[in-house]
């Protein structure tokens, strides 16, 4: 392991636009004021870039402007979800770049400009993030809106968007005189960047003339992270769409290199074909991905979260006092095991009171700080089973009555087109109305976003996660909770397989073939956990402390990014072209 690799890389980033890594993601959560993210993928991307800035990694990022944001969720009293846009103005927040580039989409020239956000790390290092924008007067009306909506529109809209991101993004970096050694595709949305790189390799020659050597040259510069453990989650477009929108030459090339499957353009296969390193986002997800794509070598790098972003103010103050370098070195959180238990308890109580005040402001419901509070907040997809907790309502009520009281906080958005997901939200809200009492309070908080996520993962007592195996690629909300000393009760899927130590960092719901069996295990655990919380506070404080020391110190983007640098970006193997190029640069 070359532990000095990042300072050596950073030393090269001293002239102009010498950024060694280009990071492409359809969504990036940069700031609460910039609503260009929908959930886990975008938050992960933002956390990755924050860690890169902290570590001084010479990296630049590309995404889309999404001028209308994702959407603001509105829930009525019966639990019906409606939505409205979240418009924001790049002009008022970002810096406009002078360069513009053009990509041909559906036979039309589409002009693309970029807005820059400078993300500063704890050491002052800057990561530039470029937000691509097609809202220009010279563009056709159909193309001016291509960078308006995140995951909006039909298949045509999505493929045009992905052409803007991948091909437009590659051309923009070239126009800005960036010469990255590595292009990182965060999910398959950016896969068309590989076509643009082949075009650059050919210097204007027809794609039909590309040789195996040309393809390998591009492959040696690309890495790919897949986040989706189910086939339906991978972007696919019809052959007719591919030829019409991308043009005959590009579509024919993509078909030639094997990225059409079942007569559909499959963005994951395109990214796989042109990547020398591919990874899933947790150990288990790596296994699932290798089963889905057995002809490819797929590694695993488990996700993390940006420690300083997701640690509550109260815990930040505690860590600053006892672990003063934790922001620069997240591994220092390992030594949280030496922080006095009363300090942990006080920090959590302060965070919990902040959450309770916010719940009252958002919903009008007044919770009590002394009562056990359970948190469940994530995208409202059906496989996440938000209603598993209500499989046996009578038993849940009985647990609350006999164990000292229970407060449950829910939040999460369903995609506007996801009717089954909306139905899950409606069911939870209906049950919250019928079951809530003096000893059991259930609140569903609308419009789950960055600020609310931070309050929840910083202030509840236990984090619940109930996905249907094996559909949880990683999950990161429980990692955020761990930074704040909050243990998890979760299905053994995604990251929790790696983070679970029974009774030390949390508890595992036993696997069963049927939902009812897993619900019984959930209730069995609650019947143990609640009395533990109420009757053994000293032991509970130790669990909180060990959760920080064991999981907070590991499941962070600093560790994750170090693995990307060592294993994906600049691996030890000297035969790989990018590693050879790096060594040559370092030798000068």
Protein backbone atom coordinates (compact mmCIF):
# COMPACT_ATOMS: atom_id res chain seq x y z
CA UNK A 1 0.00 0.00 0.00
CA UNK A 2 1.42 3.39 -1.00
CA UNK A 3 0.17 5.47 1.91
CA UNK A 4 1.81 8.65 0.55
CA UNK A 5 0.03 8.42 -2.79
CA UNK A 6 -2.52 11.20 -2.19
CA UNK A 7 0.00 13.90 -1.13
CA UNK A 8 2.12 12.94 -4.15
CA UNK A 9 -0.89 13.21 -6.42
CA UNK A 10 -1.87 16.55 -4.93
CA UNK A 11 1.64 17.88 -5.58
CA UNK A 12 1.03 17.42 -9.30
CA UNK A 13 -2.06 19.64 -9.22
CA UNK A 14 -0.10 22.86 -9.29
CA UNK A 15 -0.51 24.27 -12.79
CA UNK A 16 -3.73 25.19 -14.57
CA UNK A 17 -6.29 22.44 -14.91
CA UNK A 18 -4.11 19.45 -14.08
CA UNK A 19 -6.82 17.23 -12.53
CA UNK A 20 -5.95 13.56 -12.63
CA UNK A 21 -9.45 12.17 -11.96
CA UNK A 22 -12.75 13.18 -13.61
CA UNK A 23 -15.84 12.09 -11.66
CA UNK A 24 -19.16 11.87 -13.56
CA UNK A 25 -22.50 11.53 -11.77
CA UNK A 26 -26.07 12.29 -12.88
CA UNK A 27 -26.77 13.75 -9.44
CA UNK A 28 -24.54 15.36 -6.81
CA UNK A 29 -25.69 16.66 -3.42
CA UNK A 30 -23.44 19.68 -3.09
CA UNK A 31 -25.47 21.88 -0.77
CA UNK A 32 -29.01 21.98 0.66
CA UNK A 33 -29.50 25.14 -1.44
CA UNK A 34 -28.84 23.19 -4.66
CA UNK A 35 -31.58 20.50 -4.95
CA UNK A 36 -29.90 18.47 -7.73
CA UNK A 37 -30.12 15.09 -5.99
CA UNK A 38 -32.85 12.57 -5.24
CA UNK A 39 -31.32 10.45 -2.51
CA UNK A 40 -28.54 7.98 -1.83
CA UNK A 41 -26.68 8.15 -5.16
CA UNK A 42 -26.45 11.94 -5.15
CA UNK A 43 -25.60 12.18 -1.45
CA UNK A 44 -22.87 9.59 -1.90
CA UNK A 45 -21.46 11.58 -4.83
CA UNK A 46 -21.42 14.77 -2.77
CA UNK A 47 -19.83 13.01 0.20
CA UNK A 48 -17.20 11.51 -2.11
CA UNK A 49 -16.26 14.95 -3.41
CA UNK A 50 -16.19 16.43 0.09
CA UNK A 51 -13.76 13.70 1.12
CA UNK A 52 -11.68 14.33 -2.02
CA UNK A 53 -11.47 18.01 -1.10
CA UNK A 54 -10.45 17.17 2.47
CA UNK A 55 -7.77 14.77 1.24
CA UNK A 56 -6.37 17.07 -1.45
CA UNK A 57 -7.13 14.69 -4.30
CA UNK A 58 -6.68 16.34 -7.75
CA UNK A 59 -10.20 15.66 -9.02
CA UNK A 60 -12.90 17.48 -10.99
CA UNK A 61 -16.57 16.49 -11.21
CA UNK A 62 -19.30 16.76 -13.84
CA UNK A 63 -23.09 16.64 -13.38
CA UNK A 64 -26.22 18.33 -14.77
CA UNK A 65 -27.78 21.57 -13.56
CA UNK A 66 -31.32 20.17 -13.02
CA UNK A 67 -32.78 23.67 -12.87
CA UNK A 68 -36.15 22.39 -11.61
CA UNK A 69 -34.54 20.24 -8.91
CA UNK A 70 -35.90 16.80 -8.04
CA UNK A 71 -39.26 17.58 -6.45
CA UNK A 72 -40.79 18.85 -3.25
CA UNK A 73 -43.04 16.26 -1.62
CA UNK A 74 -46.45 17.29 -0.27
CA UNK A 75 -48.48 14.86 1.83
CA UNK A 76 -52.15 15.44 2.64
CA UNK A 77 -53.85 14.25 5.82
CA UNK A 78 -54.70 10.86 4.25
CA UNK A 79 -51.12 10.25 3.13
CA UNK A 80 -51.54 11.01 -0.58
CA UNK A 81 -48.32 12.30 -2.11
CA UNK A 82 -48.24 15.14 -4.61
CA UNK A 83 -45.21 17.01 -5.87
CA UNK A 84 -44.06 20.38 -7.10
CA UNK A 85 -40.77 21.52 -8.69
CA UNK A 86 -37.86 22.85 -6.63
CA UNK A 87 -36.53 25.51 -9.01
CA UNK A 88 -33.18 27.07 -8.26
CA UNK A 89 -30.98 29.53 -10.09
CA UNK A 90 -27.42 28.53 -11.03
CA UNK A 91 -26.86 32.19 -11.92
CA UNK A 92 -27.26 33.24 -8.28
CA UNK A 93 -25.03 30.56 -6.74
CA UNK A 94 -22.47 29.30 -9.25
CA UNK A 95 -19.73 30.75 -11.45
CA UNK A 96 -20.33 30.74 -15.20
CA UNK A 97 -17.58 29.22 -17.36
CA UNK A 98 -16.67 30.94 -20.60
CA UNK A 99 -16.48 27.83 -22.77
CA UNK A 100 -19.38 26.14 -24.52
CA UNK A 101 -19.41 22.79 -26.34
CA UNK A 102 -21.78 21.17 -28.81
CA UNK A 103 -23.10 17.62 -29.07
CA UNK A 104 -25.31 16.29 -31.87
CA UNK A 105 -28.48 14.74 -30.43
CA UNK A 106 -31.26 13.46 -32.69
CA UNK A 107 -29.54 15.18 -35.61
CA UNK A 108 -29.63 18.58 -33.91
CA UNK A 109 -26.64 20.49 -32.51
CA UNK A 110 -27.14 20.96 -28.76
CA UNK A 111 -24.99 23.65 -27.18
CA UNK A 112 -23.92 23.10 -23.58
CA UNK A 113 -22.52 25.58 -21.10
CA UNK A 114 -21.28 24.95 -17.56
CA UNK A 115 -21.57 26.51 -14.13
CA UNK A 116 -18.79 25.87 -11.62
CA UNK A 117 -19.10 25.24 -7.89
CA UNK A 118 -15.83 25.27 -5.93
CA UNK A 119 -16.05 22.73 -3.12
CA UNK A 120 -13.46 23.50 -0.45
CA UNK A 121 -12.04 20.89 1.91
CA UNK A 122 -10.75 21.24 5.46
CA UNK A 123 -7.23 21.95 4.20
CA UNK A 124 -8.38 24.56 1.65
CA UNK A 125 -8.10 22.26 -1.37
CA UNK A 126 -10.72 22.98 -4.05
CA UNK A 127 -12.69 20.44 -6.08
CA UNK A 128 -14.39 22.12 -9.08
CA UNK A 129 -17.85 20.71 -9.87
CA UNK A 130 -19.27 21.54 -13.31
CA UNK A 131 -23.06 21.71 -13.72
CA UNK A 132 -23.94 21.29 -17.41
CA UNK A 133 -26.76 23.46 -18.74
CA UNK A 134 -28.60 23.39 -22.10
CA UNK A 135 -30.95 26.30 -21.37
CA UNK A 136 -29.45 28.45 -24.13
CA UNK A 137 -31.26 30.57 -26.72
CA UNK A 138 -29.56 28.90 -29.69
CA UNK A 139 -30.90 25.47 -28.71
CA UNK A 140 -34.15 23.93 -29.94
CA UNK A 141 -36.96 24.27 -27.39
CA UNK A 142 -36.89 20.50 -26.83
CA UNK A 143 -33.21 20.67 -25.91
CA UNK A 144 -33.31 23.75 -23.69
CA UNK A 145 -35.15 21.71 -21.03
CA UNK A 146 -32.83 18.69 -21.10
CA UNK A 147 -31.05 19.84 -17.94
CA UNK A 148 -34.23 20.81 -16.08
CA UNK A 149 -35.51 17.64 -14.40
CA UNK A 150 -33.65 14.94 -12.50
CA UNK A 151 -35.08 11.54 -13.52
CA UNK A 152 -37.99 13.20 -15.27
CA UNK A 153 -39.59 12.74 -18.66
CA UNK A 154 -39.77 9.66 -20.86
CA UNK A 155 -37.09 7.38 -22.27
CA UNK A 156 -36.21 9.83 -25.04
CA UNK A 157 -35.64 12.57 -22.48
CA UNK A 158 -33.45 10.32 -20.35
CA UNK A 159 -31.25 9.19 -23.25
CA UNK A 160 -30.80 12.78 -24.44
CA UNK A 161 -29.87 13.76 -20.89
CA UNK A 162 -27.31 10.98 -20.68
CA UNK A 163 -25.79 12.15 -23.96
CA UNK A 164 -25.43 15.63 -22.48
CA UNK A 165 -23.82 14.26 -19.33
CA UNK A 166 -21.46 11.73 -20.89
CA UNK A 167 -20.52 13.17 -24.27
CA UNK A 168 -21.06 16.81 -23.34
CA UNK A 169 -19.15 16.40 -20.09
CA UNK A 170 -16.15 14.80 -21.79
CA UNK A 171 -16.05 17.59 -24.37
CA UNK A 172 -16.37 20.27 -21.71
CA UNK A 173 -13.37 18.96 -19.76
CA UNK A 174 -11.35 18.87 -22.97
CA UNK A 175 -12.39 22.45 -23.76
CA UNK A 176 -11.25 23.48 -20.28
CA UNK A 177 -7.89 21.82 -21.03
CA UNK A 178 -8.30 19.06 -18.45
CA UNK A 179 -6.29 15.93 -19.22
CA UNK A 180 -7.53 13.34 -16.71
CA UNK A 181 -5.74 10.03 -16.35
CA UNK A 182 -8.91 8.46 -14.93
CA UNK A 183 -12.62 8.90 -15.69
CA UNK A 184 -14.91 7.56 -12.94
CA UNK A 185 -18.50 6.78 -13.95
CA UNK A 186 -20.70 6.83 -10.85
CA UNK A 187 -23.50 4.54 -12.13
CA UNK A 188 -24.31 3.90 -15.79
CA UNK A 189 -25.95 7.26 -16.54
CA UNK A 190 -22.55 8.61 -17.65
CA UNK A 191 -21.61 5.63 -19.85
CA UNK A 192 -21.78 7.61 -23.11
CA UNK A 193 -18.67 9.41 -21.95
CA UNK A 194 -16.77 6.34 -23.22
CA UNK A 195 -18.05 6.98 -26.75
CA UNK A 196 -16.84 10.58 -26.53
CA UNK A 197 -13.42 9.37 -25.36
CA UNK A 198 -13.17 6.99 -28.33
CA UNK A 199 -14.06 9.92 -30.61
CA UNK A 200 -11.28 11.95 -28.98
CA UNK A 201 -8.89 9.02 -29.42
CA UNK A 202 -9.72 8.89 -33.13
CA UNK A 203 -9.18 12.66 -33.58
CA UNK A 204 -12.19 13.10 -35.83
CA UNK A 205 -12.04 9.84 -37.75
CA UNK A 206 -15.20 7.77 -38.14
CA UNK A 207 -16.04 5.46 -35.22
CA UNK A 208 -16.14 2.56 -37.65
CA UNK A 209 -12.36 2.89 -37.94
CA UNK A 210 -11.75 2.33 -34.21
CA UNK A 211 -9.30 -0.53 -33.63
CA UNK A 212 -8.98 -2.82 -30.64
CA UNK A 213 -5.98 -0.71 -29.62
CA UNK A 214 -8.14 2.45 -29.62
CA UNK A 215 -10.77 0.74 -27.48
CA UNK A 216 -8.18 -0.52 -25.02
CA UNK A 217 -6.65 2.95 -24.71
CA UNK A 218 -10.04 4.27 -23.58
CA UNK A 219 -10.70 1.26 -21.35
CA UNK A 220 -7.47 1.85 -19.46
CA UNK A 221 -8.68 5.34 -18.50
CA UNK A 222 -12.14 4.39 -17.17
CA UNK A 223 -13.50 2.96 -13.93
CA UNK A 224 -17.14 2.24 -13.16
CA UNK A 225 -19.19 1.94 -9.98
CA UNK A 226 -22.50 0.12 -10.25
CA UNK A 227 -25.10 0.75 -7.54
CA UNK A 228 -28.03 -1.36 -8.69
CA UNK A 229 -28.55 -5.00 -7.63
CA UNK A 230 -31.59 -5.68 -9.83
CA UNK A 231 -31.68 -5.86 -13.66
CA UNK A 232 -34.64 -3.47 -13.92
CA UNK A 233 -32.59 -0.71 -12.29
CA UNK A 234 -30.09 -0.53 -15.17
CA UNK A 235 -30.85 2.06 -17.86
CA UNK A 236 -31.97 0.45 -21.13
CA UNK A 237 -33.19 2.04 -24.35
CA UNK A 238 -34.63 0.58 -27.53
CA UNK A 239 -32.50 0.18 -30.62
CA UNK A 240 -34.76 2.64 -32.41
CA UNK A 241 -34.11 5.25 -29.72
CA UNK A 242 -30.37 4.64 -29.85
CA UNK A 243 -30.12 5.09 -33.62
CA UNK A 244 -32.51 8.05 -33.75
CA UNK A 245 -31.13 10.00 -30.79
CA UNK A 246 -27.42 9.15 -30.92
CA UNK A 247 -27.16 8.79 -34.70
CA UNK A 248 -26.31 5.85 -36.91
CA UNK A 249 -22.54 6.03 -36.47
CA UNK A 250 -22.57 6.07 -32.67
CA UNK A 251 -25.37 3.53 -32.28
CA UNK A 252 -23.67 1.19 -34.75
CA UNK A 253 -20.42 1.51 -32.79
CA UNK A 254 -22.15 0.82 -29.47
CA UNK A 255 -23.81 -2.24 -30.96
CA UNK A 256 -20.50 -3.41 -32.38
CA UNK A 257 -18.74 -3.30 -29.00
CA UNK A 258 -21.42 -5.45 -27.35
CA UNK A 259 -23.49 -2.93 -25.37
CA UNK A 260 -26.79 -4.03 -26.92
CA UNK A 261 -28.46 -6.83 -24.96
CA UNK A 262 -31.82 -8.32 -25.91
CA UNK A 263 -31.85 -5.72 -28.71
CA UNK A 264 -31.70 -2.92 -26.13
CA UNK A 265 -28.95 -0.40 -25.53
CA UNK A 266 -27.84 -1.23 -21.98
CA UNK A 267 -25.84 1.56 -20.32
CA UNK A 268 -24.39 -0.78 -17.72
CA UNK A 269 -22.93 -3.05 -20.40
CA UNK A 270 -21.47 -0.01 -22.18
CA UNK A 271 -19.75 1.09 -18.97
CA UNK A 272 -18.59 -2.47 -18.22
CA UNK A 273 -17.15 -2.88 -21.73
CA UNK A 274 -14.94 0.19 -21.37
CA UNK A 275 -13.80 -0.02 -17.73
CA UNK A 276 -10.59 -1.58 -16.49
CA UNK A 277 -11.94 -1.54 -12.91
CA UNK A 278 -15.55 -2.15 -11.89
CA UNK A 279 -16.95 -2.28 -8.37
CA UNK A 280 -20.13 -2.77 -6.43
CA UNK A 281 -20.77 -0.67 -3.34
CA UNK A 282 -20.65 -3.30 -0.59
CA UNK A 283 -19.22 -6.78 -0.20
CA UNK A 284 -22.61 -8.43 -0.73
CA UNK A 285 -23.41 -6.16 -3.66
CA UNK A 286 -20.16 -7.20 -5.30
CA UNK A 287 -21.29 -10.83 -5.05
CA UNK A 288 -24.72 -10.03 -6.50
CA UNK A 289 -23.18 -7.98 -9.32
CA UNK A 290 -20.81 -10.80 -10.31
CA UNK A 291 -23.80 -13.11 -10.54
CA UNK A 292 -25.63 -10.59 -12.73
CA UNK A 293 -22.62 -9.98 -15.01
CA UNK A 294 -20.52 -13.18 -14.76
CA UNK A 295 -18.41 -12.31 -17.80
CA UNK A 296 -16.90 -9.31 -16.00
CA UNK A 297 -14.53 -9.00 -13.04
CA UNK A 298 -16.38 -6.90 -10.47
CA UNK A 299 -14.75 -5.89 -7.19
CA UNK A 300 -16.35 -4.28 -4.13
CA UNK A 301 -15.64 -1.00 -2.37
CA UNK A 302 -18.12 -0.41 0.41
CA UNK A 303 -19.72 3.03 0.50
CA UNK A 304 -19.18 5.54 3.25
CA UNK A 305 -20.48 8.95 4.35
CA UNK A 306 -18.68 12.24 4.89
CA UNK A 307 -18.05 12.27 8.61
CA UNK A 308 -17.97 16.02 9.20
CA UNK A 309 -21.18 16.56 7.18
CA UNK A 310 -23.31 13.94 8.95
CA UNK A 311 -22.08 14.31 12.53
CA UNK A 312 -24.48 16.43 14.58
CA UNK A 313 -23.22 19.75 16.00
CA UNK A 314 -23.22 18.32 19.52
CA UNK A 315 -21.07 15.34 18.54
CA UNK A 316 -18.81 17.55 16.42
CA UNK A 317 -18.08 19.56 19.55
CA UNK A 318 -17.39 16.39 21.53
CA UNK A 319 -15.07 15.00 18.88
CA UNK A 320 -13.29 18.34 18.56
CA UNK A 321 -12.54 18.20 22.28
CA UNK A 322 -11.40 14.58 22.53
CA UNK A 323 -10.27 13.73 18.96
CA UNK A 324 -9.05 17.07 17.56
CA UNK A 325 -7.84 15.67 14.18
CA UNK A 326 -10.92 13.59 13.40
CA UNK A 327 -11.95 15.78 10.47
CA UNK A 328 -8.59 15.31 8.74
CA UNK A 329 -8.27 11.66 9.82
CA UNK A 330 -11.61 9.88 10.21
CA UNK A 331 -9.85 6.79 11.53
CA UNK A 332 -9.29 8.82 14.71
CA UNK A 333 -12.95 8.12 15.49
CA UNK A 334 -11.72 4.66 16.49
CA UNK A 335 -10.54 6.33 19.70
CA UNK A 336 -14.06 7.45 20.55
CA UNK A 337 -13.97 4.35 22.72
CA UNK A 338 -12.05 6.53 25.19
CA UNK A 339 -14.58 9.39 25.29
CA UNK A 340 -16.42 9.42 28.65
CA UNK A 341 -19.84 7.80 28.39
CA UNK A 342 -21.53 10.81 29.94
CA UNK A 343 -20.14 13.01 27.15
CA UNK A 344 -21.66 10.63 24.58
CA UNK A 345 -24.97 10.66 26.44
CA UNK A 346 -25.07 14.46 26.72
CA UNK A 347 -24.22 14.98 23.05
CA UNK A 348 -26.96 12.59 21.98
CA UNK A 349 -29.53 14.19 24.28
CA UNK A 350 -28.77 17.60 22.80
CA UNK A 351 -29.18 16.20 19.28
CA UNK A 352 -32.40 14.47 20.26
CA UNK A 353 -33.89 17.65 21.68
CA UNK A 354 -32.99 19.48 18.46
CA UNK A 355 -34.81 16.79 16.48
CA UNK A 356 -37.86 16.92 18.77
CA UNK A 357 -38.08 20.70 18.32
CA UNK A 358 -37.94 20.24 14.54
CA UNK A 359 -40.64 17.56 14.62
CA UNK A 360 -42.95 19.93 16.48
CA UNK A 361 -42.23 22.68 13.96
CA UNK A 362 -42.79 20.38 10.96
CA UNK A 363 -45.80 18.41 12.20
CA UNK A 364 -47.17 19.99 15.38
CA UNK A 365 -46.58 16.72 17.25
CA UNK A 366 -44.73 17.04 20.54
CA UNK A 367 -42.41 14.17 21.41
CA UNK A 368 -40.63 13.46 24.70
CA UNK A 369 -36.87 13.27 25.02
CA UNK A 370 -37.01 10.50 27.62
CA UNK A 371 -38.96 8.12 25.38
CA UNK A 372 -37.31 5.60 23.07
CA UNK A 373 -37.37 6.94 19.50
CA UNK A 374 -37.07 4.79 16.39
CA UNK A 375 -36.13 6.25 13.00
CA UNK A 376 -36.94 4.99 9.50
CA UNK A 377 -36.21 7.34 6.60
CA UNK A 378 -35.29 6.51 3.02
CA UNK A 379 -36.58 6.51 -0.54
CA UNK A 380 -40.08 5.01 -0.49
CA UNK A 381 -39.41 2.10 -2.84
CA UNK A 382 -41.49 -1.01 -2.25
CA UNK A 383 -38.49 -3.29 -1.60
CA UNK A 384 -37.51 -1.14 1.39
CA UNK A 385 -40.74 -2.31 3.07
CA UNK A 386 -41.60 0.74 5.14
CA UNK A 387 -44.68 -1.04 6.47
CA UNK A 388 -42.92 -4.20 7.72
CA UNK A 389 -42.98 -2.71 11.21
CA UNK A 390 -46.81 -2.77 11.07
CA UNK A 391 -47.20 -6.42 10.06
CA UNK A 392 -48.75 -7.16 13.48
CA UNK A 393 -50.11 -3.83 14.77
CA UNK A 394 -51.44 -5.32 17.98
CA UNK A 395 -48.04 -6.66 18.92
CA UNK A 396 -46.40 -3.31 18.18
CA UNK A 397 -48.90 -1.54 20.45
CA UNK A 398 -48.29 -4.12 23.17
CA UNK A 399 -44.52 -3.58 23.00
CA UNK A 400 -45.00 0.15 23.41
CA UNK A 401 -47.38 -0.33 26.36
CA UNK A 402 -45.29 -2.90 28.24
CA UNK A 403 -41.80 -1.57 27.58
CA UNK A 404 -42.17 2.09 28.58
CA UNK A 405 -43.31 3.92 25.46
CA UNK A 406 -42.25 4.18 21.81
CA UNK A 407 -41.94 7.04 19.33
CA UNK A 408 -41.50 6.28 15.63
CA UNK A 409 -40.37 8.81 13.04
CA UNK A 410 -40.81 8.11 9.33
CA UNK A 411 -39.81 10.06 6.26
CA UNK A 412 -39.16 9.41 2.58
CA UNK A 413 -40.23 10.32 -0.94
CA UNK A 414 -41.63 8.06 -3.64
CA UNK A 415 -40.72 8.93 -7.23
CA UNK A 416 -43.68 10.83 -8.74
CA UNK A 417 -44.29 7.93 -11.16
CA UNK A 418 -43.96 5.20 -8.51
CA UNK A 419 -47.55 4.46 -7.55
CA UNK A 420 -46.71 1.37 -5.42
CA UNK A 421 -44.18 3.48 -3.51
CA UNK A 422 -46.81 6.15 -2.91
CA UNK A 423 -49.18 3.45 -1.66
CA UNK A 424 -46.58 2.41 0.94
CA UNK A 425 -46.44 5.97 2.26
CA UNK A 426 -50.22 6.19 2.40
CA UNK A 427 -50.46 2.91 4.32
CA UNK A 428 -47.88 4.01 6.91
CA UNK A 429 -49.67 7.32 7.44
CA UNK A 430 -53.07 5.63 7.76
CA UNK A 431 -51.64 3.24 10.36
CA UNK A 432 -50.00 6.11 12.21
CA UNK A 433 -53.42 7.71 12.62
CA UNK A 434 -55.08 4.53 13.87
CA UNK A 435 -52.30 3.33 16.19
CA UNK A 436 -50.98 6.51 17.78
CA UNK A 437 -51.70 6.91 21.49
CA UNK A 438 -50.10 8.27 24.64
CA UNK A 439 -47.56 5.42 24.66
CA UNK A 440 -47.11 5.03 20.89
CA UNK A 441 -46.60 8.05 18.66
CA UNK A 442 -45.97 7.67 14.94
CA UNK A 443 -45.10 10.67 12.78
CA UNK A 444 -44.44 10.76 9.03
CA UNK A 445 -42.40 13.85 8.15
CA UNK A 446 -42.86 15.11 4.59
CA UNK A 447 -40.21 16.21 2.10
CA UNK A 448 -37.25 14.09 3.19
CA UNK A 449 -34.09 15.95 2.19
CA UNK A 450 -30.59 16.81 3.39
CA UNK A 451 -31.41 18.89 6.47
CA UNK A 452 -34.15 16.57 7.71
CA UNK A 453 -31.92 13.53 7.14
CA UNK A 454 -29.23 15.09 9.30
CA UNK A 455 -31.71 15.78 12.11
CA UNK A 456 -33.07 12.23 12.03
CA UNK A 457 -29.76 10.40 11.83
CA UNK A 458 -28.44 12.60 14.59
CA UNK A 459 -31.34 12.46 17.03
CA UNK A 460 -33.21 9.13 17.14
CA UNK A 461 -32.21 6.28 19.47
CA UNK A 462 -32.28 3.40 16.99
CA UNK A 463 -32.10 3.28 13.18
CA UNK A 464 -34.38 0.77 11.45
CA UNK A 465 -33.79 -0.69 7.99
CA UNK A 466 -35.97 -3.43 6.50
CA UNK A 467 -35.08 -4.00 2.80
CA UNK A 468 -35.96 -7.19 1.00
CA UNK A 469 -32.75 -9.13 0.43
CA UNK A 470 -30.73 -8.85 -1.80
CA UNK A 471 -32.05 -5.52 -3.12
CA UNK A 472 -30.11 -3.17 -0.83
CA UNK A 473 -26.90 -2.42 -2.72
CA UNK A 474 -25.35 -0.62 0.24
CA UNK A 475 -27.47 1.91 2.11
CA UNK A 476 -25.81 4.81 3.89
CA UNK A 477 -28.38 6.26 6.31
CA UNK A 478 -27.35 3.79 9.01
CA UNK A 479 -23.74 4.90 8.54
CA UNK A 480 -24.78 8.49 9.23
CA UNK A 481 -26.58 7.34 12.38
CA UNK A 482 -23.48 5.42 13.51
CA UNK A 483 -21.39 8.62 13.47
CA UNK A 484 -23.83 9.94 16.06
CA UNK A 485 -23.70 6.87 18.27
CA UNK A 486 -27.02 5.47 17.03
CA UNK A 487 -27.06 1.68 16.60
CA UNK A 488 -29.04 -0.04 13.85
CA UNK A 489 -31.68 -2.74 13.76
CA UNK A 490 -31.54 -4.03 10.22
CA UNK A 491 -31.93 -6.81 7.72
CA UNK A 492 -28.52 -8.33 6.95
CA UNK A 493 -28.08 -6.79 3.53
CA UNK A 494 -25.91 -4.07 1.99
CA UNK A 495 -23.37 -2.50 4.33
CA UNK A 496 -24.95 -3.92 7.49
CA UNK A 497 -23.46 -7.37 6.83
CA UNK A 498 -20.08 -5.73 7.38
CA UNK A 499 -21.04 -3.32 10.17
CA UNK A 500 -23.14 -5.62 12.37
CA UNK A 501 -21.82 -6.86 15.69
CA UNK A 502 -24.80 -8.15 17.66
CA UNK A 503 -25.39 -6.10 20.78
CA UNK A 504 -22.28 -3.99 20.12
CA UNK A 505 -23.09 -1.87 17.05
CA UNK A 506 -26.74 -2.92 16.79
CA UNK A 507 -28.88 -5.94 15.98
CA UNK A 508 -29.72 -8.05 12.93
CA UNK A 509 -33.23 -9.05 11.91
CA UNK A 510 -33.18 -12.78 11.23
CA UNK A 511 -33.55 -13.84 7.59
CA UNK A 512 -36.79 -15.56 6.63
CA UNK A 513 -38.38 -16.44 3.29
CA UNK A 514 -41.59 -14.66 4.25
CA UNK A 515 -42.16 -11.07 5.42
CA UNK A 516 -44.08 -12.33 8.43
CA UNK A 517 -41.06 -14.22 9.76
CA UNK A 518 -38.82 -11.18 9.50
CA UNK A 519 -41.49 -9.05 11.16
CA UNK A 520 -41.58 -11.50 14.09
CA UNK A 521 -37.81 -11.21 14.43
CA UNK A 522 -38.12 -7.41 14.35
CA UNK A 523 -40.66 -7.51 17.20
CA UNK A 524 -38.57 -10.02 19.15
CA UNK A 525 -35.64 -7.63 19.00
CA UNK A 526 -37.71 -4.61 20.02
CA UNK A 527 -38.92 -6.54 23.07
CA UNK A 528 -35.28 -6.85 24.12
CA UNK A 529 -33.98 -3.47 22.96
CA UNK A 530 -36.57 -1.21 24.60
CA UNK A 531 -36.16 -2.65 28.13
CA UNK A 532 -32.39 -2.50 27.58
CA UNK A 533 -32.65 1.21 26.75
CA UNK A 534 -34.90 2.00 29.72
CA UNK A 535 -33.35 -0.24 32.39
CA UNK A 536 -29.64 -0.43 31.53
CA UNK A 537 -28.60 3.08 30.53
CA UNK A 538 -24.92 2.45 31.24
CA UNK A 539 -24.82 -0.47 28.82
CA UNK A 540 -26.76 1.53 26.26
CA UNK A 541 -24.18 4.32 26.43
CA UNK A 542 -21.45 1.75 25.77
CA UNK A 543 -23.26 0.53 22.68
CA UNK A 544 -23.48 4.11 21.45
CA UNK A 545 -19.77 4.63 22.01
CA UNK A 546 -18.77 1.36 20.34
CA UNK A 547 -21.01 2.20 17.38
CA UNK A 548 -18.99 5.37 16.77
CA UNK A 549 -15.63 3.70 17.34
CA UNK A 550 -16.25 0.61 15.22
CA UNK A 551 -18.61 1.79 12.48
CA UNK A 552 -18.15 5.56 12.39
CA UNK A 553 -14.40 5.18 12.02
CA UNK A 554 -14.72 2.83 9.04
CA UNK A 555 -17.90 3.55 7.07
CA UNK A 556 -16.85 6.99 5.88
CA UNK A 557 -15.92 8.39 2.47
CA UNK A 558 -12.35 9.06 3.52
CA UNK A 559 -11.68 5.32 3.87
CA UNK A 560 -13.78 4.63 0.79
CA UNK A 561 -11.89 7.14 -1.37
CA UNK A 562 -8.54 5.82 -0.20
CA UNK A 563 -9.66 2.43 -1.51
CA UNK A 564 -10.65 3.98 -4.84
CA UNK A 565 -7.25 5.66 -5.13
CA UNK A 566 -5.32 2.49 -4.28
CA UNK A 567 -7.46 -0.06 -6.09
CA UNK A 568 -9.24 1.76 -8.92
CA UNK A 569 -7.63 5.07 -9.83
CA UNK A 570 -3.93 4.31 -9.43
CA UNK A 571 -3.52 0.61 -8.59
CA UNK A 572 -0.26 -1.08 -7.67
CA UNK A 573 -0.22 -3.18 -10.84
CA UNK A 574 2.37 -1.46 -13.06
CA UNK A 575 1.18 -3.02 -16.34
CA UNK A 576 -1.94 -0.91 -16.43
CA UNK A 577 -1.63 2.09 -18.68
CA UNK A 578 -2.89 4.67 -16.17
CA UNK A 579 -0.50 3.45 -13.48
CA UNK A 580 2.39 3.61 -15.95
CA UNK A 581 1.42 7.16 -16.85
CA UNK A 582 1.23 8.12 -13.19
CA UNK A 583 4.64 6.68 -12.37
CA UNK A 584 6.11 8.52 -15.34
CA UNK A 585 4.65 11.80 -14.08
CA UNK A 586 5.83 11.19 -10.54
CA UNK A 587 9.34 10.46 -11.76
CA UNK A 588 9.67 13.89 -13.39
